[in-house]
Protein backbone atom coordinates (compact mmCIF):
# COMPACT_ATOMS: atom_id res chain seq x y z
CA UNK A 1 22.84 13.26 17.33
CA UNK A 2 22.84 13.37 13.55
CA UNK A 3 25.66 15.49 12.14
CA UNK A 4 26.00 14.27 8.52
CA UNK A 5 24.00 12.30 5.96
CA UNK A 6 24.64 11.49 2.32
CA UNK A 7 23.99 9.21 -0.62
CA UNK A 8 27.10 7.74 -2.24
CA UNK A 9 27.68 5.46 -5.22
CA UNK A 10 30.07 2.55 -4.95
CA UNK A 11 31.65 1.71 -8.33
CA UNK A 12 35.12 0.22 -7.74
CA UNK A 13 36.25 1.99 -10.92
CA UNK A 14 36.45 5.29 -8.98
CA UNK A 15 39.32 3.79 -6.94
CA UNK A 16 42.43 5.16 -8.74
CA UNK A 17 44.32 1.86 -8.67
CA UNK A 18 41.35 0.17 -10.35
CA UNK A 19 39.97 2.88 -12.62
CA UNK A 20 43.38 4.02 -13.92
CA UNK A 21 42.90 5.47 -17.43
CA UNK A 22 39.11 5.24 -17.07
CA UNK A 23 39.11 7.52 -14.05
CA UNK A 24 38.58 10.65 -16.14
CA UNK A 25 35.22 9.24 -17.28
CA UNK A 26 33.98 9.38 -13.68
CA UNK A 27 35.70 12.67 -12.84
CA UNK A 28 32.51 14.35 -11.64
CA UNK A 29 31.82 11.51 -9.20
CA UNK A 30 35.37 11.55 -7.88
CA UNK A 31 35.33 15.33 -7.38
CA UNK A 32 31.95 15.09 -5.64
CA UNK A 33 33.20 12.38 -3.29
CA UNK A 34 36.20 14.53 -2.41
CA UNK A 35 33.89 17.45 -1.67
CA UNK A 36 31.72 15.21 0.46
CA UNK A 37 34.78 14.06 2.39
CA UNK A 38 35.45 17.65 3.42
CA UNK A 39 31.86 18.01 4.63
CA UNK A 40 32.06 14.79 6.62
CA UNK A 41 35.35 15.75 8.24
CA UNK A 42 33.99 19.16 9.18
CA UNK A 43 31.02 17.50 10.92
CA UNK A 44 33.43 15.69 13.28
CA UNK A 45 31.44 12.45 13.66
CA UNK A 46 32.06 9.91 16.40
CA UNK A 47 30.62 7.01 14.38
CA UNK A 48 29.75 6.33 10.74
CA UNK A 49 26.62 4.28 10.13
CA UNK A 50 26.80 2.95 6.56
CA UNK A 51 24.04 1.10 4.71
CA UNK A 52 25.09 -1.18 1.84
CA UNK A 53 23.26 -3.28 -0.77
CA UNK A 54 26.16 -5.71 -1.16
CA UNK A 55 26.81 -7.13 2.29
CA UNK A 56 25.41 -10.37 3.64
CA UNK A 57 21.79 -9.71 2.71
CA UNK A 58 19.23 -11.67 4.72
CA UNK A 59 15.89 -11.47 2.88
CA UNK A 60 13.70 -11.71 5.98
CA UNK A 61 15.68 -9.40 8.28
CA UNK A 62 17.83 -6.29 8.46
CA UNK A 63 21.35 -7.07 9.63
CA UNK A 64 24.31 -5.42 11.32
CA UNK A 65 27.88 -6.63 11.00
CA UNK A 66 29.20 -6.60 14.57
CA UNK A 67 32.66 -8.00 13.90
CA UNK A 68 35.07 -6.22 16.25
CA UNK A 69 37.42 -5.32 13.38
CA UNK A 70 36.85 -4.84 9.65
CA UNK A 71 39.06 -4.97 6.59
CA UNK A 72 38.24 -3.22 3.33
CA UNK A 73 40.23 -4.26 0.29
CA UNK A 74 39.68 -4.45 -3.45
CA UNK A 75 41.36 -7.74 -4.27
CA UNK A 76 38.22 -8.92 -6.09
CA UNK A 77 38.80 -6.05 -8.54
CA UNK A 78 42.51 -6.63 -9.14
CA UNK A 79 43.89 -4.24 -6.52
CA UNK A 80 46.09 -6.18 -4.09
CA UNK A 81 47.62 -3.12 -2.42
CA UNK A 82 44.81 -0.95 -1.07
CA UNK A 83 43.71 -2.00 2.40
CA UNK A 84 41.69 -0.11 5.00
CA UNK A 85 40.99 -1.15 8.58
CA UNK A 86 38.10 -0.15 10.82
CA UNK A 87 36.49 -1.19 14.10
CA UNK A 88 32.92 -1.16 15.30
CA UNK A 89 30.87 0.78 17.83
CA UNK A 90 29.46 -1.74 20.35
CA UNK A 91 27.55 1.02 22.12
CA UNK A 92 25.64 2.11 19.02
CA UNK A 93 24.99 -1.46 17.87
CA UNK A 94 23.53 -2.31 21.27
CA UNK A 95 21.27 0.74 21.14
CA UNK A 96 20.02 -0.14 17.66
CA UNK A 97 19.35 -3.73 18.67
CA UNK A 98 17.43 -2.61 21.73
CA UNK A 99 15.14 -0.19 19.93
CA UNK A 100 14.32 -2.54 17.02
CA UNK A 101 13.48 -5.48 19.30
CA UNK A 102 9.89 -6.67 18.77
CA UNK A 103 9.41 -4.05 16.03
CA UNK A 104 11.39 -5.21 13.00
CA UNK A 105 13.55 -8.33 12.55
CA UNK A 106 17.25 -7.53 13.05
CA UNK A 107 20.02 -10.11 12.91
CA UNK A 108 23.59 -9.60 14.06
CA UNK A 109 26.20 -11.15 11.79
CA UNK A 110 29.99 -11.23 11.86
CA UNK A 111 32.26 -10.79 8.86
CA UNK A 112 35.69 -9.21 8.93
CA UNK A 113 35.75 -8.30 5.23
CA UNK A 114 33.64 -5.37 4.12
CA UNK A 115 31.76 -5.53 0.83
CA UNK A 116 32.54 -3.02 -1.92
CA UNK A 117 29.28 -1.17 -1.29
CA UNK A 118 30.76 -0.25 2.07
CA UNK A 119 34.44 -0.12 1.13
CA UNK A 120 34.27 2.26 -1.85
CA UNK A 121 32.53 5.16 -0.02
CA UNK A 122 34.74 4.69 3.04
CA UNK A 123 37.87 4.81 0.86
CA UNK A 124 37.02 8.40 -0.09
CA UNK A 125 35.19 9.64 2.97
CA UNK A 126 37.57 8.55 5.73
CA UNK A 127 40.80 10.00 4.34
CA UNK A 128 41.15 12.16 7.46
CA UNK A 129 39.13 10.00 9.86
CA UNK A 130 41.45 7.03 10.14
CA UNK A 131 40.27 5.83 13.55
CA UNK A 132 36.56 6.37 13.11
CA UNK A 133 34.36 3.46 14.25
CA UNK A 134 31.69 2.24 11.84
CA UNK A 135 28.42 0.32 11.96
CA UNK A 136 27.84 -1.60 8.68
CA UNK A 137 24.14 -2.23 8.03
CA UNK A 138 22.53 -4.35 5.32
CA UNK A 139 19.00 -3.87 4.13
CA UNK A 140 16.50 -6.71 3.69
CA UNK A 141 14.00 -7.75 1.02
CA UNK A 142 11.07 -6.49 3.04
CA UNK A 143 8.71 -4.04 1.35
CA UNK A 144 9.72 -0.43 0.88
CA UNK A 145 7.58 0.85 3.75
CA UNK A 146 9.46 -1.33 6.25
CA UNK A 147 12.76 0.17 5.07
CA UNK A 148 11.39 3.63 5.79
CA UNK A 149 10.23 2.38 9.21
CA UNK A 150 13.69 0.97 9.89
CA UNK A 151 15.11 4.40 9.16
CA UNK A 152 12.67 5.92 11.65
CA UNK A 153 13.80 3.44 14.32
CA UNK A 154 17.43 4.24 13.60
CA UNK A 155 16.62 7.91 14.01
CA UNK A 156 15.21 7.25 17.49
CA UNK A 157 18.64 5.90 18.43
CA UNK A 158 20.42 8.78 16.73
CA UNK A 159 18.37 11.43 18.54
CA UNK A 160 18.88 9.83 21.95
CA UNK A 161 22.57 9.04 21.83
CA UNK A 162 25.29 11.50 22.78
CA UNK A 163 27.39 10.17 19.91
CA UNK A 164 27.77 12.33 16.81
CA UNK A 165 26.42 10.13 14.02
CA UNK A 166 27.11 10.26 10.28
CA UNK A 167 24.84 8.21 8.01
CA UNK A 168 25.89 7.10 4.53
CA UNK A 169 23.43 5.37 2.20
CA UNK A 170 25.49 3.49 -0.36
CA UNK A 171 23.89 2.54 -3.64
CA UNK A 172 23.90 2.98 -7.40
CA UNK A 173 20.86 3.95 -9.42
CA UNK A 174 19.78 2.26 -12.65
CA UNK A 175 22.09 -0.35 -14.17
CA UNK A 176 20.42 -0.33 -17.61
CA UNK A 177 20.85 3.19 -18.95
CA UNK A 178 22.63 2.30 -22.19
CA UNK A 179 23.24 -0.71 -24.39
CA UNK A 180 26.19 -2.62 -22.99
CA UNK A 181 25.38 -1.66 -19.39
CA UNK A 182 25.52 -4.37 -16.69
CA UNK A 183 21.78 -4.98 -17.15
CA UNK A 184 19.96 -5.11 -20.51
CA UNK A 185 19.00 -1.65 -21.72
CA UNK A 186 15.60 -0.36 -20.66
CA UNK A 187 14.09 3.15 -20.97
CA UNK A 188 12.79 2.62 -17.44
CA UNK A 189 16.32 3.19 -16.18
CA UNK A 190 16.48 6.83 -17.26
CA UNK A 191 12.92 7.45 -16.09
CA UNK A 192 13.62 5.98 -12.65
CA UNK A 193 16.81 7.97 -12.13
CA UNK A 194 15.12 11.20 -13.25
CA UNK A 195 12.10 10.70 -10.99
CA UNK A 196 14.10 9.67 -7.93
CA UNK A 197 16.56 12.57 -8.20
CA UNK A 198 13.64 14.99 -8.60
CA UNK A 199 12.01 13.65 -5.44
CA UNK A 200 15.28 13.99 -3.55
CA UNK A 201 15.75 17.57 -4.75
CA UNK A 202 12.20 18.42 -3.72
CA UNK A 203 12.58 16.54 -0.40
CA UNK A 204 9.38 14.76 -1.35
CA UNK A 205 10.61 11.58 0.27
CA UNK A 206 7.25 9.99 1.05
CA UNK A 207 6.50 10.02 -2.68
CA UNK A 208 9.42 7.62 -3.16
CA UNK A 209 7.33 4.98 -1.41
CA UNK A 210 4.70 5.42 -4.12
CA UNK A 211 6.98 5.01 -7.11
CA UNK A 212 5.73 2.39 -9.52
CA UNK A 213 7.20 -0.99 -8.56
CA UNK A 214 7.52 -2.04 -12.18
CA UNK A 215 9.56 1.11 -12.81
CA UNK A 216 11.85 0.38 -9.87
CA UNK A 217 12.37 -3.26 -10.85
CA UNK A 218 12.77 -2.35 -14.51
CA UNK A 219 15.55 0.10 -13.65
CA UNK A 220 17.72 -2.70 -12.20
CA UNK A 221 18.83 -0.44 -9.34
CA UNK A 222 20.68 -1.52 -6.22
CA UNK A 223 20.43 1.49 -3.91
CA UNK A 224 16.72 2.27 -3.54
CA UNK A 225 16.27 0.44 -0.23
CA UNK A 226 19.42 2.07 1.20
CA UNK A 227 18.03 5.46 0.23
CA UNK A 228 14.64 4.73 1.81
CA UNK A 229 16.31 3.96 5.13
CA UNK A 230 18.15 7.28 4.94
CA UNK A 231 14.93 9.06 3.98
CA UNK A 232 13.25 7.58 7.04
CA UNK A 233 15.99 9.19 9.10
CA UNK A 234 16.45 12.55 7.39
CA UNK A 235 12.74 13.34 6.94
CA UNK A 236 12.63 14.36 10.60
CA UNK A 237 15.22 17.13 10.14
CA UNK A 238 15.29 20.53 8.50
CA UNK A 239 17.96 20.34 5.83
CA UNK A 240 19.08 21.35 2.38
CA UNK A 241 19.48 18.75 -0.34
CA UNK A 242 22.55 19.25 -2.49
CA UNK A 243 23.09 17.09 -5.58
CA UNK A 244 26.86 17.15 -5.91
CA UNK A 245 26.96 15.01 -9.04
CA UNK A 246 25.09 12.55 -11.21
CA UNK A 247 26.59 10.77 -14.17
CA UNK A 248 26.33 7.42 -15.94
CA UNK A 249 29.29 6.94 -18.28
CA UNK A 250 29.06 3.14 -18.16
CA UNK A 251 25.29 2.79 -18.10
CA UNK A 252 24.98 2.83 -14.30
CA UNK A 253 23.68 5.92 -12.51
CA UNK A 254 26.12 7.33 -9.95
CA UNK A 255 24.55 9.83 -7.57
CA UNK A 256 26.36 11.84 -4.88
CA UNK A 257 23.98 13.81 -2.67
CA UNK A 258 24.54 15.69 0.56
CA UNK A 259 21.68 16.30 3.01
CA UNK A 260 22.97 19.38 4.82
CA UNK A 261 21.43 19.83 8.24
CA UNK A 262 20.27 23.30 9.27
């Protein structure tokens, strides 16, 4: 049973111990994540399924991290104090593996440490869900249509299980919005972000599959495949799309969107 779904950015700079004096430049994102946390808590999920672009990506297969316990820290970003611990949901992982068998390649991996694409959203969204199990999923380098199909398969599991499932698609938009951004500046960045957000607002998700590939690649994004998986799930439900925030103070597009089920 799906009870919550959202798109979240994952810049480590929104972690207070990392962002420090720069935190006010991402204030809208921080406030939106705090608002999203309230929505997630109110949905009372049993499991969080989180899709990240920065885990152990296997080009020719989707993957699930089935380590029994997970650690999220930010030592790679200079924060040696913040540490979160989670555990998995063997039941949900088994159900996902069963339904994808012979349909799409899925590999089970094991890694105790969570990547920042997973850790940053969970830092904000699990403030009051300390013992919530999670299922960390990594996308592949398959074509966009297969990511949508993977979302549809995940939804078959979600609709059949008695567990209350929350789905978080982690990802940033363009990385080339201004000069000095992580990727060389390109006008395609702004165009991509504008078009994608418009499609999300309109719930015209299938049109995302038809976006120009040169535009997508030129935007230097990292979240598009995560979002397509979520779209493959959420397209089956009546919902409202709420854009809680979008900003790009450092040349990377940070989008927080809530797909509110009716």
